Structure formats: C-alpha cells, structure tokens
C-alpha cells in the first residue's frame, strides 16, 4: 500500500509553487529591508542638515561677537594711547568733564 501522506513523491507543480512562494517572501523581506534603510538614511540626512544649520548659525554669532569685541578693543586701545601720549592727561580730564553731568560735585586728587 502506498503512503499518501509522504512528501517524497511531490509533484513538480507543488515544488515550483513552494519555491515561488519562498522567493516572493524573500523578495518582500528584501523590499521591506530596503525601505527601512532608505527611511533611516533620509532621517539621518535631515538630522545632519539641521545640526549643520545650527552650527553655522552659532559660528556666525561667534564671528559677529568677535568683530564687535575687536572694534571695541581698537577703540579702547586708541583711547589708552591718547591718554598715555603727550598732554594725554588734559585730554582725559576734558573727556571726563563731558561724561560727568554738571550737577555732580567733582573731586580731583593730586
């Protein structure tokens, strides 16, 4: 008597269908994997772009602050040079007269 439940005698149509199903499943898995990797790449590029924008903004702020401090330093060093030059004390006192309001009592130590 022949065993009807045996898988040894599979028909070629059944084996082709099984193979085709396995290939379809593998194709879907690969497609899903590719989609996930593409999504991961896209999100990573967005993050890199956003962080680059933040870094560039910070660098611009630092550059502007540097130029502001540089101009301020030049102005103060020029004023110091004027103070230490010939008759600089008189010019300094003249500048102080302009800064101090007229209602204030001024004391000059000698």
Protein backbone atom coordinates (compact mmCIF):
# COMPACT_ATOMS: atom_id res chain seq x y z
CA UNK A 1 0.00 0.00 0.00
CA UNK A 2 1.24 3.41 -0.93
CA UNK A 3 1.58 6.15 1.72
CA UNK A 4 -0.47 9.11 0.60
CA UNK A 5 0.93 11.38 3.30
CA UNK A 6 4.52 11.04 2.20
CA UNK A 7 6.27 14.11 0.86
CA UNK A 8 8.81 12.14 -1.06
CA UNK A 9 6.67 11.98 -4.13
CA UNK A 10 5.89 15.69 -4.56
CA UNK A 11 4.70 16.79 -7.89
CA UNK A 12 6.83 19.25 -9.85
CA UNK A 13 3.98 21.77 -9.76
CA UNK A 14 3.90 21.75 -5.95
CA UNK A 15 7.65 22.17 -5.64
CA UNK A 16 7.60 25.03 -8.16
CA UNK A 17 4.80 26.72 -6.19
CA UNK A 18 6.70 26.32 -2.94
CA UNK A 19 9.85 27.72 -4.49
CA UNK A 20 7.91 30.63 -5.97
CA UNK A 21 6.31 31.40 -2.57
CA UNK A 22 9.72 31.32 -0.87
CA UNK A 23 11.12 33.67 -3.50
CA UNK A 24 8.16 36.02 -3.07
CA UNK A 25 8.57 36.04 0.71
CA UNK A 26 12.30 36.74 0.38
CA UNK A 27 11.58 39.49 -2.16
CA UNK A 28 9.12 41.14 0.23
CA UNK A 29 11.58 40.90 3.11
CA UNK A 30 14.36 42.46 0.99
CA UNK A 31 11.97 45.20 -0.17
CA UNK A 32 10.99 45.93 3.43
CA UNK A 33 14.65 45.99 4.46
CA UNK A 34 15.50 48.39 1.61
CA UNK A 35 12.59 50.67 2.56
CA UNK A 36 13.73 50.73 6.20
CA UNK A 37 17.31 51.54 5.22
CA UNK A 38 16.12 54.27 2.86
CA UNK A 39 13.99 55.77 5.64
CA UNK A 40 16.91 55.59 8.07
CA UNK A 41 19.19 57.29 5.52
CA UNK A 42 16.64 60.03 4.84
CA UNK A 43 16.12 60.74 8.56
CA UNK A 44 19.89 60.80 9.13
CA UNK A 45 20.37 63.30 6.31
CA UNK A 46 17.65 65.52 7.76
CA UNK A 47 19.33 65.44 11.17
CA UNK A 48 22.73 66.23 9.67
CA UNK A 49 21.25 69.17 7.75
CA UNK A 50 19.53 70.57 10.83
CA UNK A 51 22.64 70.23 13.00
CA UNK A 52 24.76 71.85 10.29
CA UNK A 53 22.34 74.77 10.17
CA UNK A 54 22.58 75.18 13.96
CA UNK A 55 26.39 75.01 13.84
CA UNK A 56 26.59 77.60 11.05
CA UNK A 57 24.25 79.92 12.98
CA UNK A 58 26.42 79.61 16.11
CA UNK A 59 29.59 80.24 14.13
CA UNK A 60 28.02 83.40 12.63
CA UNK A 61 27.12 84.61 16.13
CA UNK A 62 30.66 83.95 17.34
CA UNK A 63 32.10 85.77 14.31
CA UNK A 64 29.85 88.79 14.87
CA UNK A 65 30.74 88.86 18.56
CA UNK A 66 34.43 88.63 17.71
CA UNK A 67 34.24 91.56 15.29
CA UNK A 68 32.28 93.62 17.82
CA UNK A 69 34.88 92.96 20.53
CA UNK A 70 37.69 93.66 18.06
CA UNK A 71 36.25 97.10 17.21
CA UNK A 72 35.68 97.80 20.91
CA UNK A 73 39.28 96.81 21.69
CA UNK A 74 40.67 99.05 18.95
CA UNK A 75 38.62 101.98 20.24
CA UNK A 76 39.77 101.43 23.84
CA UNK A 77 43.41 100.90 22.86
CA UNK A 78 43.29 104.13 20.83
CA UNK A 79 41.88 105.95 23.86
CA UNK A 80 44.62 104.49 26.07
CA UNK A 81 47.26 105.56 23.56
CA UNK A 82 45.80 109.06 23.61
CA UNK A 83 45.87 109.08 27.41
CA UNK A 84 49.49 107.99 27.56
CA UNK A 85 50.62 110.39 24.84
CA UNK A 86 51.80 113.98 25.30
CA UNK A 87 49.15 116.06 27.11
CA UNK A 88 47.01 112.97 27.40
CA UNK A 89 46.04 113.79 30.99
CA UNK A 90 44.44 117.05 29.89
CA UNK A 91 42.50 115.29 27.16
CA UNK A 92 41.42 112.66 29.67
CA UNK A 93 40.13 115.32 32.05
CA UNK A 94 38.35 117.01 29.17
CA UNK A 95 36.67 113.72 28.28
CA UNK A 96 35.67 113.23 31.91
CA UNK A 97 34.12 116.68 32.01
CA UNK A 98 31.90 115.67 29.14
CA UNK A 99 30.92 112.41 30.80
CA UNK A 100 30.18 113.79 34.30
CA UNK A 101 26.97 115.78 34.47
CA UNK A 102 27.10 119.41 35.62
CA UNK A 103 25.15 118.83 38.88
CA UNK A 104 27.74 116.44 40.35
CA UNK A 105 30.48 117.61 42.72
CA UNK A 106 33.87 116.66 41.29
CA UNK A 107 36.87 115.85 43.43
CA UNK A 108 40.27 115.73 41.76
CA UNK A 109 43.09 114.17 43.78
CA UNK A 110 46.60 115.43 43.23
